[in-house]
Every structure is written in structure tokens, then in C-alpha cells.
Amino acid sequence: MNELRDNSDVGELIQYIVIKIDDEQYGINIKFIDNIVRMQQITRVPQVDEYLKGVINIRGEIVPVMSVRMKMGLAEDVITNKSRIIILKTDSGDLVGIIVDQVNQVLTIDSNNVEKVRYDDKKAKSNATFVSGVGHYDGGLVSILDLEAVVSDKEAKEKASNAS
């Protein structure tokens, strides 16, 4: 009977890729990840926001690449051997690349162990909407990236794709 009770408490198991940006760890739901590629030449696109680094060619498709660090208001990316471009597939089917400092691991977290982050203050919300929740796992805590907030700048994406 204890087994039945334990199973009823289990929520949906969700896999996250744990990435490092600056000194923080973030989780990205694996269902949004199309590909993870090593750093490569990024073709600069003129007249786009500074955080849009340019475009790359993935399997014949032109993909805009952005710096999550710069979008979050952090320092410019420092490219190392561990830097990667994560290709995300948005709900609309578009591909967008984000530059991360490092990809650490794949983590499976029970949805019951993810606490949603609430923002009461509008000012705080505008500055901190990149995190949708915090996941608890054996090794500690991981902030769950709100990918919609990270890649939601449609105007900038349109500028990048129109310029290419």
C-alpha cells in the first residue's frame, strides 16, 4: 500500500538540460531543445539589438543566435571551449540559438518539485521574468528558464531573419 501512496504523489517527470550562465545554473526543458552545437562562426546582422549576435546555418536553415547573458543584463559573453549554442524550437516552430557558458547535465525533476516563481511587483517582474520556477533535486536547486521570456522579442527576430 505504501507503494501506491508514493506513486500517487509523483507528478510528471520532466527532463531539463542544466546550463551555466555566469555563475548560475539554469534548467531548460528538454522538449524545447532541437540541438546543442559547439561555438561556430556567427554572421553578424546589422541594425539589430546588441544581444542578437547574428545568424548561423544549421542543416540549411538560418537560425538567429542571441546572447542570454546580454539579454539578462549581464556582461558580454566570454567564449571558451565549454561555450555552446543551444538551438531551441519555439512553440511556433521557429528555431532560435542561445549562447551559454556551459552545458552541465541532464536532470529529471518531478513537476511537484518545481516551485513557480511569483512576481508581485511590476518593476520586479519586468527585470526578472527569465526564471519561471525553481527545481529541487538531490544536488540542490536549479532555476528554470522561462524560454518564452528569453526569446520573446519578435521584432528583433524578424529583423535578423529579414536581414539575412
N, C-alpha and C. Protein backbone atom coordinates (compact mmCIF):
# COMPACT_ATOMS: atom_id res chain seq x y z
N MET A 1 0.81 -1.20 0.00
CA MET A 1 0.00 0.00 0.00
C MET A 1 0.85 1.26 0.00
N ASN A 2 1.98 1.23 0.68
CA ASN A 2 2.86 2.39 0.68
C ASN A 2 3.32 2.73 -0.73
N GLU A 3 3.55 1.69 -1.54
CA GLU A 3 3.98 1.94 -2.92
C GLU A 3 2.91 2.71 -3.68
N LEU A 4 1.66 2.36 -3.47
CA LEU A 4 0.57 3.07 -4.15
C LEU A 4 0.53 4.53 -3.73
N ARG A 5 0.69 4.79 -2.46
CA ARG A 5 0.67 6.17 -1.97
C ARG A 5 1.84 6.96 -2.56
N ASP A 6 3.02 6.34 -2.59
CA ASP A 6 4.19 7.03 -3.13
C ASP A 6 3.99 7.39 -4.60
N ASN A 7 3.42 6.48 -5.36
CA ASN A 7 3.20 6.74 -6.78
C ASN A 7 2.17 7.84 -7.01
N SER A 8 1.18 7.95 -6.14
CA SER A 8 0.16 8.96 -6.33
C SER A 8 0.72 10.37 -6.09
N ASP A 9 1.81 10.47 -5.32
CA ASP A 9 2.42 11.77 -5.04
C ASP A 9 3.37 12.21 -6.15
N VAL A 10 3.68 11.32 -7.06
CA VAL A 10 4.63 11.66 -8.12
C VAL A 10 3.92 12.44 -9.21
N GLY A 11 4.48 13.61 -9.53
CA GLY A 11 3.92 14.40 -10.64
C GLY A 11 4.56 13.93 -11.93
N GLU A 12 4.46 14.75 -12.92
CA GLU A 12 5.06 14.45 -14.21
C GLU A 12 6.58 14.59 -14.10
N LEU A 13 7.31 13.61 -14.61
CA LEU A 13 8.77 13.71 -14.62
C LEU A 13 9.20 14.50 -15.84
N ILE A 14 9.95 15.57 -15.62
CA ILE A 14 10.38 16.44 -16.70
C ILE A 14 11.90 16.46 -16.74
N GLN A 15 12.45 16.31 -17.94
CA GLN A 15 13.91 16.36 -18.08
C GLN A 15 14.33 17.77 -18.45
N TYR A 16 15.41 18.22 -17.82
CA TYR A 16 15.97 19.54 -18.07
C TYR A 16 17.44 19.39 -18.42
N ILE A 17 17.89 20.20 -19.36
CA ILE A 17 19.32 20.34 -19.61
C ILE A 17 19.77 21.44 -18.65
N VAL A 18 20.78 21.15 -17.84
CA VAL A 18 21.28 22.16 -16.90
C VAL A 18 22.45 22.88 -17.57
N ILE A 19 22.31 24.21 -17.67
CA ILE A 19 23.33 25.03 -18.32
C ILE A 19 23.89 26.02 -17.30
N LYS A 20 25.03 26.57 -17.63
CA LYS A 20 25.63 27.57 -16.77
C LYS A 20 25.69 28.89 -17.54
N ILE A 21 25.19 29.95 -16.91
CA ILE A 21 25.30 31.30 -17.45
C ILE A 21 25.84 32.14 -16.30
N ASP A 22 27.00 32.73 -16.51
CA ASP A 22 27.70 33.45 -15.45
C ASP A 22 27.99 32.43 -14.35
N ASP A 23 27.63 32.70 -13.12
CA ASP A 23 27.88 31.75 -12.03
C ASP A 23 26.63 30.99 -11.62
N GLU A 24 25.57 31.11 -12.40
CA GLU A 24 24.29 30.49 -12.06
C GLU A 24 24.00 29.29 -12.94
N GLN A 25 23.25 28.34 -12.37
CA GLN A 25 22.79 27.18 -13.14
C GLN A 25 21.32 27.37 -13.47
N TYR A 26 20.97 27.05 -14.72
CA TYR A 26 19.59 27.17 -15.17
C TYR A 26 19.19 25.86 -15.84
N GLY A 27 17.92 25.53 -15.73
CA GLY A 27 17.40 24.35 -16.40
C GLY A 27 16.54 24.77 -17.59
N ILE A 28 16.70 24.04 -18.70
CA ILE A 28 15.87 24.26 -19.88
C ILE A 28 15.13 22.96 -20.15
N ASN A 29 13.81 23.04 -20.22
CA ASN A 29 13.00 21.86 -20.51
C ASN A 29 13.48 21.24 -21.81
N ILE A 30 13.78 19.95 -21.77
CA ILE A 30 14.39 19.26 -22.91
C ILE A 30 13.46 19.25 -24.13
N LYS A 31 12.15 19.41 -23.92
CA LYS A 31 11.22 19.37 -25.06
C LYS A 31 11.42 20.56 -26.01
N PHE A 32 12.06 21.64 -25.53
CA PHE A 32 12.30 22.81 -26.37
C PHE A 32 13.65 22.76 -27.09
N ILE A 33 14.47 21.76 -26.78
CA ILE A 33 15.82 21.72 -27.34
C ILE A 33 15.83 20.92 -28.63
N ASP A 34 16.27 21.58 -29.71
CA ASP A 34 16.39 20.93 -31.00
C ASP A 34 17.78 20.34 -31.17
N ASN A 35 18.80 21.07 -30.68
CA ASN A 35 20.18 20.68 -30.92
C ASN A 35 21.09 21.45 -29.98
N ILE A 36 22.26 20.91 -29.71
CA ILE A 36 23.30 21.63 -28.97
C ILE A 36 24.56 21.54 -29.83
N VAL A 37 25.09 22.70 -30.20
CA VAL A 37 26.26 22.71 -31.09
C VAL A 37 27.40 23.50 -30.44
N ARG A 38 28.61 23.15 -30.86
CA ARG A 38 29.78 23.90 -30.40
C ARG A 38 29.72 25.30 -30.99
N MET A 39 30.46 26.20 -30.37
CA MET A 39 30.54 27.56 -30.89
C MET A 39 31.07 27.51 -32.32
N GLN A 40 30.56 28.37 -33.15
CA GLN A 40 30.98 28.45 -34.54
C GLN A 40 30.90 29.90 -34.99
N GLN A 41 31.32 30.13 -36.20
CA GLN A 41 31.28 31.49 -36.74
C GLN A 41 29.84 31.97 -36.81
N ILE A 42 29.58 33.12 -36.19
CA ILE A 42 28.24 33.72 -36.22
C ILE A 42 28.31 34.91 -37.16
N THR A 43 27.45 34.91 -38.17
CA THR A 43 27.41 36.02 -39.13
C THR A 43 26.62 37.16 -38.53
N ARG A 44 27.29 38.28 -38.35
CA ARG A 44 26.68 39.47 -37.74
C ARG A 44 25.58 40.02 -38.66
N VAL A 45 24.51 40.49 -38.07
CA VAL A 45 23.41 41.09 -38.81
C VAL A 45 23.33 42.55 -38.36
N PRO A 46 23.38 43.50 -39.31
CA PRO A 46 23.35 44.91 -38.92
C PRO A 46 21.97 45.35 -38.42
N GLN A 47 21.98 46.38 -37.60
CA GLN A 47 20.76 47.06 -37.12
C GLN A 47 19.81 46.16 -36.35
N VAL A 48 20.38 45.32 -35.48
CA VAL A 48 19.54 44.54 -34.56
C VAL A 48 20.01 44.85 -33.15
N ASP A 49 19.22 44.46 -32.17
CA ASP A 49 19.60 44.70 -30.78
C ASP A 49 20.95 44.05 -30.49
N GLU A 50 21.66 44.65 -29.53
CA GLU A 50 23.02 44.21 -29.22
C GLU A 50 23.08 42.75 -28.77
N TYR A 51 22.04 42.26 -28.09
CA TYR A 51 22.06 40.88 -27.61
C TYR A 51 21.88 39.87 -28.74
N LEU A 52 21.40 40.31 -29.92
CA LEU A 52 21.32 39.41 -31.07
C LEU A 52 22.68 39.39 -31.73
N LYS A 53 23.35 38.26 -31.63
CA LYS A 53 24.72 38.16 -32.11
C LYS A 53 24.83 37.95 -33.61
N GLY A 54 23.77 37.47 -34.23
CA GLY A 54 23.78 37.23 -35.67
C GLY A 54 23.05 35.95 -36.01
N VAL A 55 23.48 35.30 -37.09
CA VAL A 55 22.82 34.08 -37.55
C VAL A 55 23.86 32.99 -37.84
N ILE A 56 23.41 31.74 -37.75
CA ILE A 56 24.23 30.59 -38.15
C ILE A 56 23.38 29.71 -39.05
N ASN A 57 24.05 28.81 -39.75
CA ASN A 57 23.38 27.88 -40.65
C ASN A 57 23.37 26.50 -39.98
N ILE A 58 22.18 26.01 -39.68
CA ILE A 58 22.02 24.67 -39.10
C ILE A 58 21.21 23.83 -40.07
N ARG A 59 21.84 22.82 -40.64
CA ARG A 59 21.18 21.91 -41.59
C ARG A 59 20.44 22.68 -42.69
N GLY A 60 21.07 23.74 -43.20
CA GLY A 60 20.49 24.50 -44.29
C GLY A 60 19.47 25.54 -43.86
N GLU A 61 19.23 25.66 -42.57
CA GLU A 61 18.28 26.64 -42.07
C GLU A 61 19.03 27.76 -41.35
N ILE A 62 18.65 29.01 -41.64
CA ILE A 62 19.27 30.16 -41.00
C ILE A 62 18.62 30.37 -39.63
N VAL A 63 19.46 30.36 -38.59
CA VAL A 63 18.97 30.43 -37.21
C VAL A 63 19.56 31.66 -36.52
N PRO A 64 18.70 32.58 -36.00
CA PRO A 64 19.23 33.70 -35.23
C PRO A 64 19.84 33.22 -33.92
N VAL A 65 20.94 33.86 -33.51
CA VAL A 65 21.63 33.48 -32.27
C VAL A 65 21.67 34.69 -31.35
N MET A 66 21.31 34.46 -30.10
CA MET A 66 21.29 35.56 -29.15
C MET A 66 22.12 35.24 -27.91
N SER A 67 22.59 36.29 -27.26
CA SER A 67 23.32 36.17 -26.01
C SER A 67 22.34 36.31 -24.86
N VAL A 68 22.12 35.22 -24.14
CA VAL A 68 21.22 35.26 -22.99
C VAL A 68 21.83 36.16 -21.92
N ARG A 69 23.16 36.12 -21.78
CA ARG A 69 23.83 36.97 -20.79
C ARG A 69 23.47 38.44 -21.01
N MET A 70 23.58 38.89 -22.26
CA MET A 70 23.32 40.30 -22.55
C MET A 70 21.84 40.63 -22.39
N LYS A 71 20.97 39.70 -22.77
CA LYS A 71 19.53 39.94 -22.62
C LYS A 71 19.17 40.06 -21.14
N MET A 72 19.88 39.32 -20.29
CA MET A 72 19.64 39.38 -18.85
C MET A 72 20.33 40.57 -18.20
N GLY A 73 21.09 41.33 -18.97
CA GLY A 73 21.78 42.49 -18.41
C GLY A 73 23.11 42.15 -17.78
N LEU A 74 23.67 40.98 -18.11
CA LEU A 74 24.97 40.57 -17.58
C LEU A 74 26.07 41.03 -18.53
N ALA A 75 27.30 40.72 -18.18
CA ALA A 75 28.45 41.11 -19.00
C ALA A 75 28.45 40.35 -20.33
N GLU A 76 29.19 40.87 -21.29
CA GLU A 76 29.36 40.26 -22.61
C GLU A 76 29.83 38.81 -22.46
N ASP A 77 29.46 37.94 -23.41
CA ASP A 77 29.88 36.54 -23.39
C ASP A 77 31.40 36.43 -23.51
N VAL A 78 31.96 35.50 -22.74
CA VAL A 78 33.37 35.15 -22.88
C VAL A 78 33.37 33.74 -23.46
N ILE A 79 33.78 33.61 -24.70
CA ILE A 79 33.71 32.33 -25.39
C ILE A 79 34.89 31.45 -24.96
N THR A 80 34.59 30.24 -24.49
CA THR A 80 35.61 29.27 -24.08
C THR A 80 35.36 27.95 -24.80
N ASN A 81 36.17 26.94 -24.51
CA ASN A 81 35.96 25.61 -25.09
C ASN A 81 34.65 24.99 -24.63
N LYS A 82 34.13 25.44 -23.49
CA LYS A 82 32.89 24.89 -22.94
C LYS A 82 31.65 25.61 -23.46
N SER A 83 31.81 26.76 -24.10
CA SER A 83 30.66 27.52 -24.61
C SER A 83 29.93 26.71 -25.68
N ARG A 84 28.62 26.83 -25.67
CA ARG A 84 27.79 26.11 -26.64
C ARG A 84 26.68 27.03 -27.14
N ILE A 85 26.12 26.65 -28.28
CA ILE A 85 24.91 27.29 -28.78
C ILE A 85 23.81 26.23 -28.67
N ILE A 86 22.77 26.55 -27.92
CA ILE A 86 21.64 25.64 -27.79
C ILE A 86 20.58 26.11 -28.76
N ILE A 87 20.17 25.23 -29.66
CA ILE A 87 19.13 25.55 -30.64
C ILE A 87 17.79 25.16 -30.03
N LEU A 88 16.95 26.18 -29.83
CA LEU A 88 15.64 25.97 -29.22
C LEU A 88 14.56 26.01 -30.29
N LYS A 89 13.56 25.17 -30.12
CA LYS A 89 12.41 25.20 -31.02
C LYS A 89 11.26 25.84 -30.24
N THR A 90 10.80 27.00 -30.71
CA THR A 90 9.73 27.71 -30.03
C THR A 90 8.39 27.02 -30.29
N ASP A 91 7.37 27.45 -29.56
CA ASP A 91 6.03 26.88 -29.75
C ASP A 91 5.53 27.07 -31.18
N SER A 92 5.97 28.17 -31.82
CA SER A 92 5.54 28.43 -33.19
C SER A 92 6.37 27.66 -34.22
N GLY A 93 7.37 26.89 -33.75
CA GLY A 93 8.17 26.08 -34.65
C GLY A 93 9.44 26.76 -35.14
N ASP A 94 9.67 28.03 -34.74
CA ASP A 94 10.89 28.73 -35.14
C ASP A 94 12.07 28.20 -34.35
N LEU A 95 13.24 28.27 -34.97
CA LEU A 95 14.47 27.90 -34.27
C LEU A 95 15.19 29.17 -33.85
N VAL A 96 15.72 29.17 -32.62
CA VAL A 96 16.50 30.28 -32.08
C VAL A 96 17.67 29.68 -31.32
N GLY A 97 18.86 30.24 -31.55
CA GLY A 97 20.03 29.77 -30.83
C GLY A 97 20.33 30.69 -29.66
N ILE A 98 20.73 30.11 -28.54
CA ILE A 98 21.18 30.92 -27.41
C ILE A 98 22.59 30.47 -27.02
N ILE A 99 23.43 31.45 -26.72
CA ILE A 99 24.80 31.15 -26.31
C ILE A 99 24.81 30.94 -24.80
N VAL A 100 25.38 29.81 -24.37
CA VAL A 100 25.51 29.53 -22.93
C VAL A 100 26.98 29.26 -22.63
N ASP A 101 27.35 29.49 -21.38
CA ASP A 101 28.75 29.30 -20.98
C ASP A 101 29.14 27.84 -20.94
N GLN A 102 28.17 26.98 -20.60
CA GLN A 102 28.49 25.58 -20.42
C GLN A 102 27.21 24.77 -20.35
N VAL A 103 27.25 23.52 -20.83
CA VAL A 103 26.14 22.58 -20.65
C VAL A 103 26.64 21.55 -19.64
N ASN A 104 25.93 21.41 -18.52
CA ASN A 104 26.42 20.56 -17.44
C ASN A 104 25.89 19.13 -17.46
N GLN A 105 24.57 18.98 -17.47
CA GLN A 105 24.00 17.64 -17.32
C GLN A 105 22.53 17.64 -17.72
N VAL A 106 21.98 16.43 -17.79
CA VAL A 106 20.54 16.26 -17.96
C VAL A 106 20.00 15.86 -16.60
N LEU A 107 18.94 16.52 -16.19
CA LEU A 107 18.38 16.31 -14.87
C LEU A 107 16.90 15.99 -15.01
N THR A 108 16.43 14.98 -14.31
CA THR A 108 15.00 14.66 -14.31
C THR A 108 14.42 15.12 -12.99
N ILE A 109 13.45 16.02 -13.07
CA ILE A 109 12.83 16.57 -11.86
C ILE A 109 11.33 16.32 -11.92
N ASP A 110 10.80 15.84 -10.82
CA ASP A 110 9.35 15.65 -10.67
C ASP A 110 8.70 17.03 -10.68
N SER A 111 7.62 17.20 -11.45
CA SER A 111 6.95 18.50 -11.53
C SER A 111 6.49 19.00 -10.16
N ASN A 112 6.27 18.09 -9.21
CA ASN A 112 5.90 18.50 -7.85
C ASN A 112 7.07 19.17 -7.12
N ASN A 113 8.28 18.98 -7.63
CA ASN A 113 9.47 19.56 -7.01
C ASN A 113 9.90 20.86 -7.69
N VAL A 114 9.03 21.41 -8.53
CA VAL A 114 9.31 22.69 -9.17
C VAL A 114 8.34 23.72 -8.60
N GLU A 115 8.90 24.72 -7.95
CA GLU A 115 8.06 25.79 -7.40
C GLU A 115 8.03 26.95 -8.37
N LYS A 116 6.84 27.39 -8.70
CA LYS A 116 6.68 28.55 -9.59
C LYS A 116 7.16 29.80 -8.88
N VAL A 117 7.79 30.69 -9.63
CA VAL A 117 8.24 31.95 -9.07
C VAL A 117 7.13 32.96 -9.28
N ARG A 118 6.79 33.69 -8.24
CA ARG A 118 5.74 34.71 -8.34
C ARG A 118 6.36 36.08 -8.22
N TYR A 119 5.90 36.99 -9.06
CA TYR A 119 6.37 38.36 -9.02
C TYR A 119 5.19 39.26 -8.69
N ASP A 120 5.21 39.86 -7.50
CA ASP A 120 4.12 40.72 -7.09
C ASP A 120 4.26 42.12 -7.66
N ASP A 121 5.46 42.59 -7.72
CA ASP A 121 5.76 43.96 -8.11
C ASP A 121 6.00 44.01 -9.62
N LYS A 122 5.34 44.92 -10.34
CA LYS A 122 5.51 45.00 -11.80
C LYS A 122 6.94 45.30 -12.19
N LYS A 123 7.62 46.15 -11.41
CA LYS A 123 9.00 46.50 -11.71
C LYS A 123 9.89 45.26 -11.58
N ALA A 124 9.70 44.50 -10.51
CA ALA A 124 10.49 43.29 -10.30
C ALA A 124 10.20 42.29 -11.41
N LYS A 125 8.95 42.21 -11.82
CA LYS A 125 8.57 41.28 -12.87
C LYS A 125 9.28 41.60 -14.18
N SER A 126 9.36 42.87 -14.53
CA SER A 126 9.99 43.23 -15.80
C SER A 126 11.47 42.90 -15.81
N ASN A 127 12.12 42.92 -14.66
CA ASN A 127 13.55 42.64 -14.61
C ASN A 127 13.86 41.17 -14.41
N ALA A 128 12.92 40.40 -13.96
CA ALA A 128 13.25 39.03 -13.55
C ALA A 128 12.39 37.97 -14.20
N THR A 129 11.80 38.24 -15.33
CA THR A 129 10.89 37.28 -15.93
C THR A 129 11.59 36.12 -16.63
N PHE A 130 12.90 36.06 -16.57
CA PHE A 130 13.61 34.99 -17.26
C PHE A 130 13.55 33.67 -16.51
N VAL A 131 13.11 33.68 -15.26
CA VAL A 131 13.01 32.46 -14.46
C VAL A 131 11.54 32.20 -14.15
N SER A 132 11.08 30.99 -14.51
CA SER A 132 9.67 30.66 -14.27
C SER A 132 9.48 29.86 -13.00
N GLY A 133 10.55 29.23 -12.51
CA GLY A 133 10.43 28.43 -11.30
C GLY A 133 11.78 27.97 -10.80
N VAL A 134 11.76 27.27 -9.68
CA VAL A 134 12.98 26.72 -9.11
C VAL A 134 12.74 25.24 -8.86
N GLY A 135 13.64 24.41 -9.41
CA GLY A 135 13.51 22.97 -9.25
C GLY A 135 14.40 22.46 -8.13
N HIS A 136 13.85 21.56 -7.30
CA HIS A 136 14.59 20.94 -6.21
C HIS A 136 15.03 19.56 -6.69
N TYR A 137 16.30 19.22 -6.49
CA TYR A 137 16.78 17.88 -6.80
C TYR A 137 17.82 17.51 -5.76
N ASP A 138 18.32 16.28 -5.82
CA ASP A 138 19.25 15.79 -4.80
C ASP A 138 20.47 16.69 -4.62
N GLY A 139 20.97 17.26 -5.72
CA GLY A 139 22.17 18.08 -5.65
C GLY A 139 21.91 19.53 -5.27
N GLY A 140 20.66 19.93 -5.09
CA GLY A 140 20.38 21.30 -4.70
C GLY A 140 19.22 21.90 -5.47
N LEU A 141 19.42 23.14 -5.94
CA LEU A 141 18.37 23.89 -6.63
C LEU A 141 18.84 24.30 -8.01
N VAL A 142 17.90 24.40 -8.94
CA VAL A 142 18.21 24.90 -10.28
C VAL A 142 17.07 25.82 -10.71
N SER A 143 17.43 26.99 -11.22
CA SER A 143 16.43 27.94 -11.71
C SER A 143 15.96 27.47 -13.09
N ILE A 144 14.67 27.44 -13.31
CA ILE A 144 14.11 27.00 -14.59
C ILE A 144 13.92 28.23 -15.48
N LEU A 145 14.58 28.23 -16.63
CA LEU A 145 14.48 29.37 -17.55
C LEU A 145 13.10 29.43 -18.18
N ASP A 146 12.55 30.61 -18.25
CA ASP A 146 11.30 30.86 -18.96
C ASP A 146 11.69 31.19 -20.40
N LEU A 147 11.67 30.19 -21.26
CA LEU A 147 12.17 30.38 -22.63
C LEU A 147 11.33 31.36 -23.42
N GLU A 148 10.04 31.42 -23.13
CA GLU A 148 9.19 32.37 -23.83
C GLU A 148 9.68 33.80 -23.56
N ALA A 149 10.04 34.08 -22.32
CA ALA A 149 10.54 35.41 -21.97
C ALA A 149 11.91 35.66 -22.59
N VAL A 150 12.74 34.63 -22.65
CA VAL A 150 14.09 34.78 -23.20
C VAL A 150 14.05 35.09 -24.69
N VAL A 151 13.21 34.39 -25.44
CA VAL A 151 13.22 34.55 -26.90
C VAL A 151 12.03 35.33 -27.43
N SER A 152 11.28 36.00 -26.57
CA SER A 152 10.02 36.60 -26.97
C SER A 152 10.13 37.87 -27.81
N ASP A 153 11.31 38.40 -28.02
CA ASP A 153 11.44 39.65 -28.75
C ASP A 153 11.23 39.41 -30.24
N LYS A 154 9.98 39.38 -30.66
CA LYS A 154 9.64 39.05 -32.05
C LYS A 154 10.21 40.06 -33.03
N GLU A 155 10.18 41.33 -32.66
CA GLU A 155 10.70 42.36 -33.57
C GLU A 155 12.17 42.11 -33.89
N ALA A 156 12.94 41.78 -32.88
CA ALA A 156 14.38 41.56 -33.09
C ALA A 156 14.60 40.32 -33.95
N LYS A 157 13.81 39.25 -33.69
CA LYS A 157 13.96 38.05 -34.51
C LYS A 157 13.59 38.33 -35.97
N GLU A 158 12.53 39.12 -36.17
CA GLU A 158 12.12 39.45 -37.53
C GLU A 158 13.20 40.25 -38.24
N LYS A 159 13.80 41.21 -37.53
CA LYS A 159 14.88 42.00 -38.12
C LYS A 159 16.03 41.09 -38.56
N ALA A 160 16.39 40.14 -37.71
CA ALA A 160 17.50 39.23 -38.01
C ALA A 160 17.15 38.37 -39.22
N SER A 161 15.93 37.82 -39.27
CA SER A 161 15.60 36.96 -40.41
C SER A 161 15.38 37.76 -41.68
N ASN A 162 14.88 38.96 -41.59
CA ASN A 162 14.69 39.78 -42.79
C ASN A 162 16.01 40.26 -43.35
N ALA A 163 16.99 40.46 -42.49
CA ALA A 163 18.29 40.96 -42.94
C ALA A 163 19.12 39.85 -43.58
N SER A 164 18.80 38.61 -43.29
CA SER A 164 19.62 37.52 -43.84
C SER A 164 19.21 37.12 -45.23
